[in-house]
Protein backbone atom coordinates (compact mmCIF):
# COMPACT_ATOMS: atom_id res chain seq x y z
CA MET A 1 169.85 -110.94 68.41
CA LEU A 2 172.60 -113.49 68.77
CA GLU A 3 170.98 -114.90 71.89
CA GLU A 4 167.66 -115.21 70.10
CA ASN A 5 169.27 -117.13 67.20
CA LEU A 6 171.14 -119.38 69.63
CA GLY A 7 167.93 -120.10 71.48
CA PHE A 8 166.19 -120.96 68.24
CA VAL A 9 168.98 -123.35 67.22
CA VAL A 10 168.87 -125.10 70.61
CA PHE A 11 165.08 -125.40 70.37
CA ALA A 12 165.36 -126.82 66.82
CA VAL A 13 167.97 -129.36 67.95
CA ILE A 14 165.71 -130.48 70.79
CA LEU A 15 162.79 -130.92 68.40
CA VAL A 16 164.94 -132.94 65.98
CA PHE A 17 166.10 -135.16 68.83
CA ILE A 18 162.57 -135.72 70.14
CA PHE A 19 160.80 -136.30 66.84
CA VAL A 20 163.57 -137.79 64.65
CA VAL A 21 166.59 -139.11 66.51
CA ARG A 22 164.83 -140.73 69.45
CA PRO A 23 162.19 -142.60 67.38
CA ILE A 24 164.89 -143.90 65.02
CA TRP A 25 167.05 -144.98 67.96
CA SER A 26 164.06 -146.70 69.60
CA LEU A 27 163.28 -148.60 66.41
CA TRP A 28 166.90 -149.68 66.08
CA ARG A 29 167.02 -150.77 69.73
CA ASP A 30 163.78 -152.75 69.44
CA ARG A 31 164.96 -154.44 66.26
CA SER A 32 168.32 -155.29 67.82
CA THR A 33 166.58 -156.75 70.87
CA HIS A 34 164.25 -158.78 68.68
CA LEU A 35 167.09 -160.12 66.53
CA LYS A 36 169.10 -161.06 69.62
CA ALA A 37 166.12 -162.83 71.15
CA GLU A 38 165.57 -164.78 67.93
CA ALA A 39 169.26 -165.70 67.77
CA ASP A 40 169.18 -166.88 71.40
CA LYS A 41 166.07 -168.95 70.71
CA ASP A 42 167.63 -170.55 67.64
CA ARG A 43 170.79 -171.32 69.61
CA ALA A 44 168.79 -172.93 72.40
CA GLU A 45 166.73 -175.01 69.97
CA ALA A 46 169.94 -176.21 68.31
CA MET A 47 171.40 -177.20 71.69
CA PHE A 48 168.16 -179.03 72.56
CA LYS A 49 168.30 -181.05 69.35
CA THR A 50 171.99 -181.84 69.78
CA MET A 51 172.05 -182.68 73.48
CA PHE A 52 168.77 -184.66 73.56
CA PRO A 53 168.54 -186.81 70.41
CA GLU A 54 166.32 -189.33 72.23
CA LEU A 55 163.54 -186.71 72.33
CA GLN A 56 163.61 -185.93 68.61
CA PRO A 57 161.45 -185.25 66.72
CA HIS A 58 158.27 -185.61 68.79
CA PHE A 59 159.06 -184.59 72.37
CA HIS A 60 159.75 -180.89 72.23
CA PRO A 61 158.75 -179.41 75.62
CA GLU A 62 156.06 -177.28 74.00
CA ARG A 63 154.48 -180.44 72.55
CA VAL A 64 154.85 -182.26 75.85
CA ASP A 65 153.03 -179.48 77.70
CA GLU A 66 150.24 -179.53 75.11
CA TYR A 67 149.80 -183.30 75.38
CA VAL A 68 149.96 -183.52 79.17
CA PHE A 69 147.29 -180.92 79.85
CA ALA A 70 145.01 -182.13 77.08
CA ARG A 71 145.38 -185.66 78.47
CA LEU A 72 144.52 -184.51 81.99
CA GLU A 73 141.20 -183.24 80.66
CA GLN A 74 140.29 -186.79 79.59
CA PRO A 75 139.07 -189.44 82.08
CA PRO A 76 141.55 -192.17 83.03
CA PRO A 77 140.99 -195.34 80.98
CA LYS A 78 139.43 -198.37 82.66
CA GLY A 79 140.62 -200.56 79.83
CA THR A 80 142.41 -199.96 76.56
CA PHE A 81 141.28 -196.82 74.78
CA VAL A 82 142.16 -195.19 71.49
CA TRP A 83 142.57 -191.41 71.42
CA ASN A 84 142.31 -190.21 67.84
CA ASP A 85 144.48 -187.25 66.81
CA PRO A 86 146.08 -186.82 70.25
CA ALA A 87 147.08 -183.30 71.21
CA GLY A 88 150.75 -182.40 71.08
CA PHE A 89 151.74 -185.00 68.50
CA PRO A 90 150.81 -183.83 64.99
CA ALA A 91 152.54 -186.85 63.43
CA ALA A 92 150.33 -189.25 65.40
CA ALA A 93 146.95 -190.32 64.04
CA SER A 94 146.11 -192.15 67.28
CA ALA A 95 147.32 -192.92 70.78
CA THR A 96 146.54 -196.29 72.35
CA LEU A 97 146.17 -195.87 76.12
CA ALA A 98 146.21 -198.78 78.53
CA PRO A 99 146.42 -199.02 82.34
CA ASP A 100 149.81 -200.07 83.67
CA PRO A 101 151.14 -200.62 87.22
CA LYS A 102 153.69 -197.87 86.58
CA GLY A 103 151.33 -195.41 84.91
CA GLU A 104 149.45 -195.26 81.66
CA ARG A 105 151.04 -197.10 78.78
CA THR A 106 150.79 -194.97 75.63
CA ILE A 107 151.62 -195.96 72.06
CA LEU A 108 151.54 -193.37 69.29
CA LYS A 109 150.82 -194.51 65.74
CA ASP A 110 150.82 -192.63 62.46
CA ALA A 111 148.13 -192.81 59.79
CA ALA A 112 149.65 -196.03 58.42
CA ARG A 113 149.42 -197.54 61.94
CA ASN A 114 153.20 -197.55 62.35
CA VAL A 115 154.41 -197.02 65.90
CA ILE A 116 156.25 -193.71 66.12
CA ALA A 117 156.75 -193.49 69.91
CA GLU A 118 155.75 -195.11 73.17
CA PHE A 119 155.96 -193.95 76.77
CA LEU A 120 154.41 -194.12 80.23
CA PHE A 121 152.21 -191.27 81.45
CA GLU A 122 151.13 -190.43 84.98
CA SER A 123 149.37 -187.46 86.54
CA ARG A 124 150.80 -185.42 89.42
CA PRO A 125 149.00 -184.26 92.57
CA ASP A 126 149.84 -180.64 91.67
CA GLY A 127 147.86 -180.88 88.46
CA GLY A 128 150.76 -181.56 86.11
CA GLY A 129 151.89 -184.76 84.45
CA VAL A 130 154.94 -186.92 83.79
CA ILE A 131 156.03 -188.70 80.63
CA ARG A 132 158.60 -191.47 81.17
CA LEU A 133 160.58 -192.21 78.05
CA GLY A 134 163.41 -194.72 78.25
CA LYS A 135 165.78 -193.60 81.00
CA GLY A 136 164.39 -190.06 80.95
CA LYS A 137 161.46 -188.31 82.59
CA LEU A 138 159.61 -185.23 81.30
CA THR A 139 157.63 -183.30 83.92
CA ALA A 140 155.12 -180.68 82.75
CA THR A 141 153.54 -178.19 85.17
CA ARG A 142 151.79 -174.82 84.99
CA ASP A 143 151.79 -172.02 87.53
CA HIS A 144 148.74 -170.19 88.87
CA ARG A 145 148.72 -167.97 85.79
CA GLY A 146 148.73 -170.94 83.45
CA ARG A 147 152.32 -170.41 82.32
CA PRO A 148 153.92 -173.73 81.30
CA SER A 149 157.17 -175.20 82.54
CA VAL A 150 158.76 -178.48 81.43
CA ARG A 151 161.71 -180.23 83.05
CA TYR A 152 163.59 -183.22 81.69
CA TRP A 153 165.74 -185.53 83.80
CA HIS A 154 168.13 -188.10 82.40
CA PRO A 155 171.06 -189.83 84.13
CA ASP A 156 173.49 -187.92 81.89
CA ARG A 157 171.83 -184.54 81.27
CA GLU A 158 168.86 -182.34 82.08
CA PHE A 159 167.04 -179.26 80.88
CA LYS A 160 164.43 -176.81 82.10
CA TRP A 161 162.18 -174.92 79.69
CA LYS A 162 159.94 -171.91 80.27
CA PRO A 163 158.60 -170.12 77.21
CA PRO A 164 159.12 -168.06 75.32
CA LYS A 165 162.93 -168.07 75.53
CA ASP A 166 164.25 -169.40 78.82
CA TRP A 167 166.22 -172.66 78.62
CA SER A 168 168.66 -174.15 81.11
CA PHE A 169 170.81 -177.14 80.16
CA THR A 170 172.84 -179.33 82.51
CA SER A 171 175.39 -181.91 81.43
CA ARG A 172 177.15 -184.30 83.77
CA MET A 173 180.38 -183.12 82.16
CA ALA A 174 179.93 -179.69 83.75
CA GLU A 175 179.50 -178.68 87.35
CA GLU A 176 177.23 -175.74 86.50
CA PRO A 177 174.13 -175.53 84.25
CA ILE A 178 174.26 -173.77 80.89
CA SER A 179 171.51 -171.14 80.74
CA THR A 180 170.01 -169.67 77.59
CA THR A 181 167.86 -166.65 78.39
CA GLU A 182 167.27 -163.18 77.05
CA HIS A 183 170.80 -162.37 78.22
CA GLY A 184 172.37 -165.11 76.09
CA SER A 185 173.97 -168.47 76.88
CA SER A 186 176.10 -168.74 80.00
CA PHE A 187 177.09 -170.84 82.97
CA SER A 188 175.23 -169.93 86.15
CA SER A 189 178.48 -169.58 88.11
CA ASP A 190 182.10 -168.72 87.40
CA SER A 191 183.26 -171.47 89.73
CA SER A 192 183.34 -174.17 87.04
CA SER A 193 186.70 -174.94 85.50
CA SER A 194 187.63 -173.97 81.98
CA SER A 195 187.89 -177.64 81.02
CA ALA A 196 184.35 -178.31 82.26
CA ARG A 197 183.07 -175.31 80.33
CA THR A 198 184.80 -176.49 77.17
CA ALA A 199 183.38 -179.99 77.52
CA ALA A 200 179.84 -178.80 78.20
CA THR A 201 179.94 -176.32 75.34
CA ALA A 202 181.18 -179.04 73.01
CA ALA A 203 178.32 -181.28 74.14
CA GLY A 204 175.84 -178.53 73.40
CA LEU A 205 177.21 -177.28 70.09
CA ALA A 206 178.75 -180.31 68.36
CA GLY A 207 176.98 -181.35 65.18
CA LEU A 208 174.69 -178.36 64.88
CA GLY A 209 174.59 -178.88 61.14
CA GLY A 210 173.39 -182.48 61.40
CA THR A 211 169.93 -183.91 61.03
CA PHE A 212 167.80 -185.28 63.83
CA ASP A 213 165.52 -188.10 62.75
CA GLY A 214 164.35 -188.93 66.26
CA GLY A 215 165.24 -192.59 66.18
CA GLY A 216 165.58 -192.69 69.95
CA ALA A 217 162.13 -191.33 70.63
CA SER A 218 160.36 -194.50 69.53
CA GLY A 219 162.51 -196.94 71.55
CA ALA A 220 160.92 -199.29 74.09
CA TRP A 221 160.89 -198.62 77.83
CA ASP A 222 164.11 -199.79 79.45
CA ASP A 223 162.52 -201.33 82.54
CA ARG A 224 159.45 -202.91 80.98
CA GLY A 225 160.51 -205.11 78.10
CA ALA A 226 157.06 -204.43 76.65
CA SER A 227 156.76 -204.28 72.88
CA ALA A 228 154.50 -202.35 70.57
CA ASP A 229 153.19 -205.63 69.15
CA ALA A 230 152.00 -206.76 72.57
CA ALA A 231 150.20 -203.51 73.17
CA SER A 232 148.64 -203.59 69.72
CA SER A 233 147.43 -207.13 70.36
CA SER A 234 145.84 -206.17 73.66
CA SER A 235 144.15 -203.16 72.09
CA SER A 236 142.50 -205.30 69.44
CA THR A 237 140.75 -207.40 72.11
CA ALA A 238 139.80 -204.53 74.41
CA SER A 239 137.13 -201.88 74.17
CA ASP A 240 137.00 -199.79 71.01
CA THR A 241 135.96 -196.69 72.92
CA SER A 242 137.71 -193.61 71.55
CA TYR A 243 138.11 -190.05 72.81
């Protein structure tokens, strides 16, 4: 009789574990994983805004990928063209595109025809595209499955972005890149000194509570000396063809 009761208790405990404890634990684990992923994403976005003020607010890698591949679907301009409501830039009402020896000169304007950003665009043989902005260069590519990847190079710092949550930041103050993935933020190697880690972390986290108005994103190209007024003047005398 005692053995039968003991067997029943064991069986009941197993049922409780299978149908009550395990589902609750799975829900808690999934929620914890989701919250951690969201926290990692928020941390990475904050580091992006802090470390790369020249790209704010228009040149988030997701927007860059959207613009590049929408632009590649359009024919290259033979003269000056106006692309209304260009992809990737919701704040832009139009993009003025003009041939340039170094690529395609692009000027973004809002609905009031104010210039909000300007850059050089060029396609890549692998099917991707490059946006040159000041001293920096944004390179957007997609793999054979169509998954996007955006890299940014600047003389002082770099990043790599692969959605939905993989970021890698590199500062010239640190020997090793700072990675933000599903496993959190870390240096890729333990070989970097503690002083380098402290400096790089400070570069990534300083001023997280500040605002980012993107003043640097609309600056002129460093090596061109071209102005928005000159481009606007040329567009008024060229073809009015629009995409």
